[in-house]
Amino acid sequence: MSENNLPIKLVLQKTTDIMKNTGGGETKFFGDVTPQLKNEIIDKFESLLCFYEDVFLEGENIPAIGK
């Protein structure tokens, strides 16, 4: 093998490789949190809890997915 075609490539670290990422943009909100929205979310969680009640009685650490 010639010396110009080495099988190992050396990659040196640059100073830009270790810089912190800079955040950008403004704080984004998806919508207003109203008491009505809070109650709707609470109702959805309570219905999920009722739906999976028999599963949680077997073991409270059993994972369940709600949509």
N, C-alpha and C. Protein backbone atom coordinates (compact mmCIF):
# COMPACT_ATOMS: atom_id res chain seq x y z
N MET A 1 0.84 -1.17 0.00
CA MET A 1 0.00 0.00 0.00
C MET A 1 0.89 1.24 0.00
N SER A 2 0.54 2.21 -0.82
CA SER A 2 1.38 3.41 -0.88
C SER A 2 1.12 4.29 0.33
N GLU A 3 2.04 5.17 0.63
CA GLU A 3 1.91 6.04 1.79
C GLU A 3 0.87 7.14 1.58
N ASN A 4 0.49 7.40 0.34
CA ASN A 4 -0.52 8.42 0.07
C ASN A 4 -1.94 7.90 0.28
N ASN A 5 -2.11 6.60 0.37
CA ASN A 5 -3.44 6.00 0.51
C ASN A 5 -3.51 5.20 1.80
N LEU A 6 -3.54 5.88 2.93
CA LEU A 6 -3.56 5.20 4.22
C LEU A 6 -4.97 4.71 4.53
N PRO A 7 -5.14 3.54 5.15
CA PRO A 7 -6.46 3.00 5.43
C PRO A 7 -7.17 3.69 6.60
N ILE A 8 -6.49 4.48 7.40
CA ILE A 8 -7.09 5.15 8.56
C ILE A 8 -7.09 6.64 8.32
N LYS A 9 -8.22 7.28 8.53
CA LYS A 9 -8.32 8.73 8.36
C LYS A 9 -8.36 9.38 9.72
N LEU A 10 -7.54 10.35 9.93
CA LEU A 10 -7.47 11.08 11.19
C LEU A 10 -8.37 12.31 11.09
N VAL A 11 -9.35 12.42 12.01
CA VAL A 11 -10.26 13.56 12.04
C VAL A 11 -9.98 14.33 13.32
N LEU A 12 -9.53 15.56 13.15
CA LEU A 12 -9.20 16.38 14.30
C LEU A 12 -10.40 17.21 14.71
N GLN A 13 -10.51 17.46 16.00
CA GLN A 13 -11.62 18.24 16.54
C GLN A 13 -11.38 19.71 16.27
N LYS A 14 -12.46 20.41 15.88
CA LYS A 14 -12.40 21.85 15.66
C LYS A 14 -13.00 22.56 16.88
N THR A 15 -12.70 23.82 17.01
CA THR A 15 -13.27 24.57 18.15
C THR A 15 -14.78 24.73 17.99
N THR A 16 -15.29 24.72 16.77
CA THR A 16 -16.73 24.85 16.57
C THR A 16 -17.47 23.56 16.92
N ASP A 17 -16.77 22.45 17.08
CA ASP A 17 -17.41 21.18 17.43
C ASP A 17 -17.86 21.14 18.88
N ILE A 18 -17.29 21.97 19.73
CA ILE A 18 -17.59 21.91 21.16
C ILE A 18 -18.30 23.15 21.67
N MET A 19 -18.87 23.95 20.78
CA MET A 19 -19.61 25.14 21.19
C MET A 19 -21.04 24.77 21.57
N LYS A 20 -21.60 25.50 22.52
CA LYS A 20 -22.99 25.29 22.91
C LYS A 20 -23.91 25.75 21.79
N ASN A 21 -25.06 25.08 21.69
CA ASN A 21 -26.07 25.53 20.75
C ASN A 21 -26.73 26.80 21.29
N THR A 22 -27.03 27.71 20.40
CA THR A 22 -27.70 28.92 20.83
C THR A 22 -29.18 28.78 20.51
N GLY A 23 -29.98 29.07 21.49
CA GLY A 23 -31.42 28.99 21.30
C GLY A 23 -31.91 30.16 20.49
N GLY A 24 -33.04 29.98 19.90
CA GLY A 24 -33.57 31.07 19.09
C GLY A 24 -35.08 31.08 19.12
N GLY A 25 -35.62 32.16 18.71
CA GLY A 25 -37.07 32.25 18.63
C GLY A 25 -37.68 32.67 19.95
N GLU A 26 -38.98 32.80 19.88
CA GLU A 26 -39.73 33.23 21.05
C GLU A 26 -40.41 32.03 21.70
N THR A 27 -40.94 32.22 22.89
CA THR A 27 -41.71 31.19 23.56
C THR A 27 -42.99 30.96 22.78
N LYS A 28 -43.30 29.69 22.50
CA LYS A 28 -44.47 29.38 21.70
C LYS A 28 -45.55 28.77 22.58
N PHE A 29 -46.77 29.26 22.40
CA PHE A 29 -47.91 28.74 23.13
C PHE A 29 -48.86 28.10 22.12
N PHE A 30 -49.45 26.98 22.48
CA PHE A 30 -50.34 26.28 21.59
C PHE A 30 -51.78 26.77 21.71
N GLY A 31 -52.08 27.46 22.75
CA GLY A 31 -53.44 27.97 22.94
C GLY A 31 -53.61 28.43 24.38
N ASP A 32 -54.71 29.08 24.62
CA ASP A 32 -55.02 29.56 25.97
C ASP A 32 -55.51 28.40 26.83
N VAL A 33 -55.03 28.36 28.05
CA VAL A 33 -55.49 27.34 29.00
C VAL A 33 -56.63 27.96 29.81
N THR A 34 -57.81 27.52 29.50
CA THR A 34 -59.01 28.03 30.16
C THR A 34 -59.52 26.99 31.15
N PRO A 35 -60.37 27.38 32.07
CA PRO A 35 -60.97 26.39 32.98
C PRO A 35 -61.75 25.32 32.22
N GLN A 36 -62.38 25.69 31.12
CA GLN A 36 -63.12 24.71 30.32
C GLN A 36 -62.17 23.67 29.72
N LEU A 37 -61.02 24.12 29.22
CA LEU A 37 -60.04 23.19 28.66
C LEU A 37 -59.49 22.26 29.74
N LYS A 38 -59.22 22.82 30.91
CA LYS A 38 -58.73 21.99 32.03
C LYS A 38 -59.74 20.91 32.38
N ASN A 39 -61.02 21.28 32.45
CA ASN A 39 -62.06 20.30 32.79
C ASN A 39 -62.19 19.22 31.72
N GLU A 40 -62.06 19.60 30.45
CA GLU A 40 -62.12 18.61 29.37
C GLU A 40 -60.98 17.60 29.49
N ILE A 41 -59.78 18.09 29.78
CA ILE A 41 -58.62 17.20 29.92
C ILE A 41 -58.79 16.29 31.13
N ILE A 42 -59.28 16.84 32.24
CA ILE A 42 -59.51 16.04 33.44
C ILE A 42 -60.53 14.94 33.15
N ASP A 43 -61.60 15.29 32.43
CA ASP A 43 -62.63 14.29 32.08
C ASP A 43 -62.04 13.18 31.22
N LYS A 44 -61.17 13.53 30.28
CA LYS A 44 -60.55 12.51 29.43
C LYS A 44 -59.67 11.56 30.25
N PHE A 45 -58.91 12.11 31.18
CA PHE A 45 -58.07 11.27 32.03
C PHE A 45 -58.91 10.37 32.94
N GLU A 46 -60.00 10.91 33.45
CA GLU A 46 -60.87 10.11 34.31
C GLU A 46 -61.52 8.98 33.52
N SER A 47 -61.91 9.23 32.27
CA SER A 47 -62.50 8.16 31.46
C SER A 47 -61.45 7.10 31.12
N LEU A 48 -60.21 7.52 30.89
CA LEU A 48 -59.15 6.54 30.66
C LEU A 48 -58.90 5.69 31.90
N LEU A 49 -58.93 6.33 33.05
CA LEU A 49 -58.74 5.61 34.31
C LEU A 49 -59.83 4.58 34.51
N CYS A 50 -61.07 4.94 34.21
CA CYS A 50 -62.18 3.98 34.32
C CYS A 50 -62.03 2.84 33.32
N PHE A 51 -61.59 3.17 32.10
CA PHE A 51 -61.44 2.15 31.06
C PHE A 51 -60.38 1.11 31.44
N TYR A 52 -59.29 1.58 32.03
CA TYR A 52 -58.19 0.68 32.39
C TYR A 52 -58.21 0.26 33.86
N GLU A 53 -59.31 0.47 34.53
CA GLU A 53 -59.38 0.19 35.97
C GLU A 53 -59.03 -1.27 36.29
N ASP A 54 -59.54 -2.22 35.49
CA ASP A 54 -59.25 -3.63 35.77
C ASP A 54 -57.78 -3.96 35.54
N VAL A 55 -57.15 -3.28 34.60
CA VAL A 55 -55.71 -3.48 34.35
C VAL A 55 -54.90 -2.95 35.53
N PHE A 56 -55.27 -1.77 36.02
CA PHE A 56 -54.52 -1.17 37.12
C PHE A 56 -54.75 -1.91 38.43
N LEU A 57 -55.86 -2.63 38.57
CA LEU A 57 -56.08 -3.41 39.78
C LEU A 57 -55.12 -4.59 39.85
N GLU A 58 -54.73 -5.11 38.65
CA GLU A 58 -53.75 -6.21 38.62
C GLU A 58 -52.38 -5.73 39.04
N GLY A 59 -52.01 -4.54 38.67
CA GLY A 59 -50.72 -3.96 39.04
C GLY A 59 -50.69 -2.51 38.61
N GLU A 60 -50.37 -1.64 39.55
CA GLU A 60 -50.43 -0.21 39.25
C GLU A 60 -49.28 0.25 38.35
N ASN A 61 -48.24 -0.57 38.19
CA ASN A 61 -47.11 -0.20 37.35
C ASN A 61 -47.20 -0.73 35.94
N ILE A 62 -48.33 -1.32 35.58
CA ILE A 62 -48.52 -1.82 34.22
C ILE A 62 -48.76 -0.63 33.31
N PRO A 63 -47.98 -0.49 32.23
CA PRO A 63 -48.17 0.66 31.35
C PRO A 63 -49.44 0.53 30.53
N ALA A 64 -50.06 1.64 30.24
CA ALA A 64 -51.26 1.69 29.39
C ALA A 64 -51.16 2.96 28.54
N ILE A 65 -51.73 2.88 27.35
CA ILE A 65 -51.68 4.02 26.43
C ILE A 65 -53.10 4.51 26.19
N GLY A 66 -53.30 5.78 26.29
CA GLY A 66 -54.60 6.38 26.02
C GLY A 66 -54.47 7.39 24.90
N LYS A 67 -55.49 7.44 24.08
CA LYS A 67 -55.45 8.39 22.96
C LYS A 67 -56.67 9.27 23.03
